[in-house]
């Protein structure tokens, strides 16, 4: 009788582990599928005013714009070359530039 009870408990544990694994796999697939967004536009410009903060601040400001997929900032003294990949169905260069200039940084080109 005890053996039967242990087998039932083992079966329940095995079943619940399998269910948890399937849920985790499904979540991974969903994450993977949503992360395969392809940028439809790329813009490059120079940001001025970096002497008072690290380039990562500008990178974070741009990354907050809906539709921005990737931001690269290459600092060069008080300026930095910024390359932004974005989904043009969700944002545009004007919105990206506004996200930078409203905090006092300047923009050259792009």
Protein backbone atom coordinates (compact mmCIF):
# COMPACT_ATOMS: atom_id res chain seq x y z
CA UNK A 1 0.00 0.00 0.00
CA UNK A 2 2.85 2.40 0.85
CA UNK A 3 4.53 1.58 -2.44
CA UNK A 4 1.35 2.47 -4.31
CA UNK A 5 1.14 5.81 -2.49
CA UNK A 6 4.77 6.61 -3.30
CA UNK A 7 4.17 5.77 -6.96
CA UNK A 8 1.13 8.07 -7.05
CA UNK A 9 3.11 10.92 -5.47
CA UNK A 10 6.01 10.32 -7.88
CA UNK A 11 3.60 10.37 -10.83
CA UNK A 12 2.02 13.62 -9.67
CA UNK A 13 5.45 15.24 -9.24
CA UNK A 14 6.57 14.05 -12.65
CA UNK A 15 3.39 15.35 -14.29
CA UNK A 16 3.61 18.76 -12.62
CA UNK A 17 7.29 19.06 -13.59
CA UNK A 18 6.41 18.27 -17.21
CA UNK A 19 3.64 20.90 -17.17
CA UNK A 20 5.98 23.51 -15.72
CA UNK A 21 8.58 22.69 -18.38
CA UNK A 22 6.00 23.10 -21.17
CA UNK A 23 4.85 26.45 -19.78
CA UNK A 24 8.47 27.62 -19.61
CA UNK A 25 9.08 26.46 -23.18
CA UNK A 26 5.98 28.28 -24.40
CA UNK A 27 7.11 31.48 -22.66
CA UNK A 28 10.54 31.16 -24.27
CA UNK A 29 9.02 30.76 -27.71
CA UNK A 30 6.82 33.82 -27.21
CA UNK A 31 9.83 35.88 -26.09
CA UNK A 32 11.92 34.67 -29.00
CA UNK A 33 9.16 35.42 -31.50
CA UNK A 34 8.68 39.00 -30.27
CA UNK A 35 12.40 39.71 -30.22
CA UNK A 36 12.84 39.08 -33.93
CA UNK A 37 11.68 42.57 -34.91
CA UNK A 38 13.60 43.89 -37.91
CA UNK A 39 14.50 47.57 -38.04
CA UNK A 40 13.00 49.31 -41.03
CA UNK A 41 15.00 52.55 -40.70
CA UNK A 42 18.39 53.69 -39.44
CA UNK A 43 19.42 57.25 -38.65
CA UNK A 44 22.87 58.58 -37.77
CA UNK A 45 23.63 61.97 -36.26
CA UNK A 46 25.95 63.71 -33.81
CA UNK A 47 24.85 64.64 -30.30
CA UNK A 48 26.51 67.55 -28.51
CA UNK A 49 26.67 68.26 -24.79
CA UNK A 50 28.16 64.98 -23.61
CA UNK A 51 30.83 66.70 -21.50
CA UNK A 52 28.56 66.61 -18.43
CA UNK A 53 27.36 63.02 -18.59
CA UNK A 54 28.25 59.60 -19.95
CA UNK A 55 27.01 58.61 -23.44
CA UNK A 56 24.87 55.91 -21.84
CA UNK A 57 22.47 58.66 -20.68
CA UNK A 58 21.73 59.60 -24.31
CA UNK A 59 21.46 55.92 -25.18
CA UNK A 60 18.90 55.40 -22.41
CA UNK A 61 16.86 58.46 -23.46
CA UNK A 62 16.62 57.24 -27.05
CA UNK A 63 15.89 53.64 -26.00
CA UNK A 64 12.76 54.83 -24.18
CA UNK A 65 11.13 55.95 -27.45
CA UNK A 66 8.53 53.43 -28.60
CA UNK A 67 9.73 51.70 -31.77
CA UNK A 68 13.46 52.13 -31.14
CA UNK A 69 15.18 48.78 -31.59
CA UNK A 70 18.88 49.53 -31.15
CA UNK A 71 21.01 52.52 -30.16
CA UNK A 72 24.78 52.85 -30.54
CA UNK A 73 26.65 55.85 -29.14
CA UNK A 74 30.31 56.39 -30.01
CA UNK A 75 31.66 59.19 -27.77
CA UNK A 76 34.23 61.65 -29.12
CA UNK A 77 34.95 64.23 -26.46
CA UNK A 78 31.93 66.42 -25.82
CA UNK A 79 30.07 64.95 -28.82
CA UNK A 80 29.03 61.48 -29.84
CA UNK A 81 28.05 59.73 -33.04
CA UNK A 82 24.64 58.13 -32.55
CA UNK A 83 23.18 55.42 -34.76
CA UNK A 84 19.56 54.45 -34.13
CA UNK A 85 17.67 51.54 -35.67
CA UNK A 86 13.92 51.86 -35.38
CA UNK A 87 10.55 50.68 -36.65
CA UNK A 88 9.24 53.52 -38.81
CA UNK A 89 5.67 52.36 -38.22
CA UNK A 90 6.04 53.26 -34.52
CA UNK A 91 8.35 56.29 -34.50
CA UNK A 92 10.34 58.66 -36.69
CA UNK A 93 13.59 60.63 -36.58
CA UNK A 94 11.79 63.73 -35.30
CA UNK A 95 10.50 61.90 -32.19
CA UNK A 96 13.95 60.42 -31.56
CA UNK A 97 15.62 63.83 -31.82
CA UNK A 98 12.99 65.37 -29.53
CA UNK A 99 13.75 62.73 -26.88
CA UNK A 100 17.34 64.06 -26.83
CA UNK A 101 16.90 67.82 -27.24
CA UNK A 102 14.24 68.16 -24.54
CA UNK A 103 16.99 67.30 -22.02
CA UNK A 104 19.39 69.97 -23.29
CA UNK A 105 21.53 68.02 -25.72
CA UNK A 106 22.16 69.34 -29.21
CA UNK A 107 21.96 67.51 -32.53
CA UNK A 108 24.04 67.92 -35.66
CA UNK A 109 22.97 66.14 -38.87
CA UNK A 110 20.59 63.22 -39.35
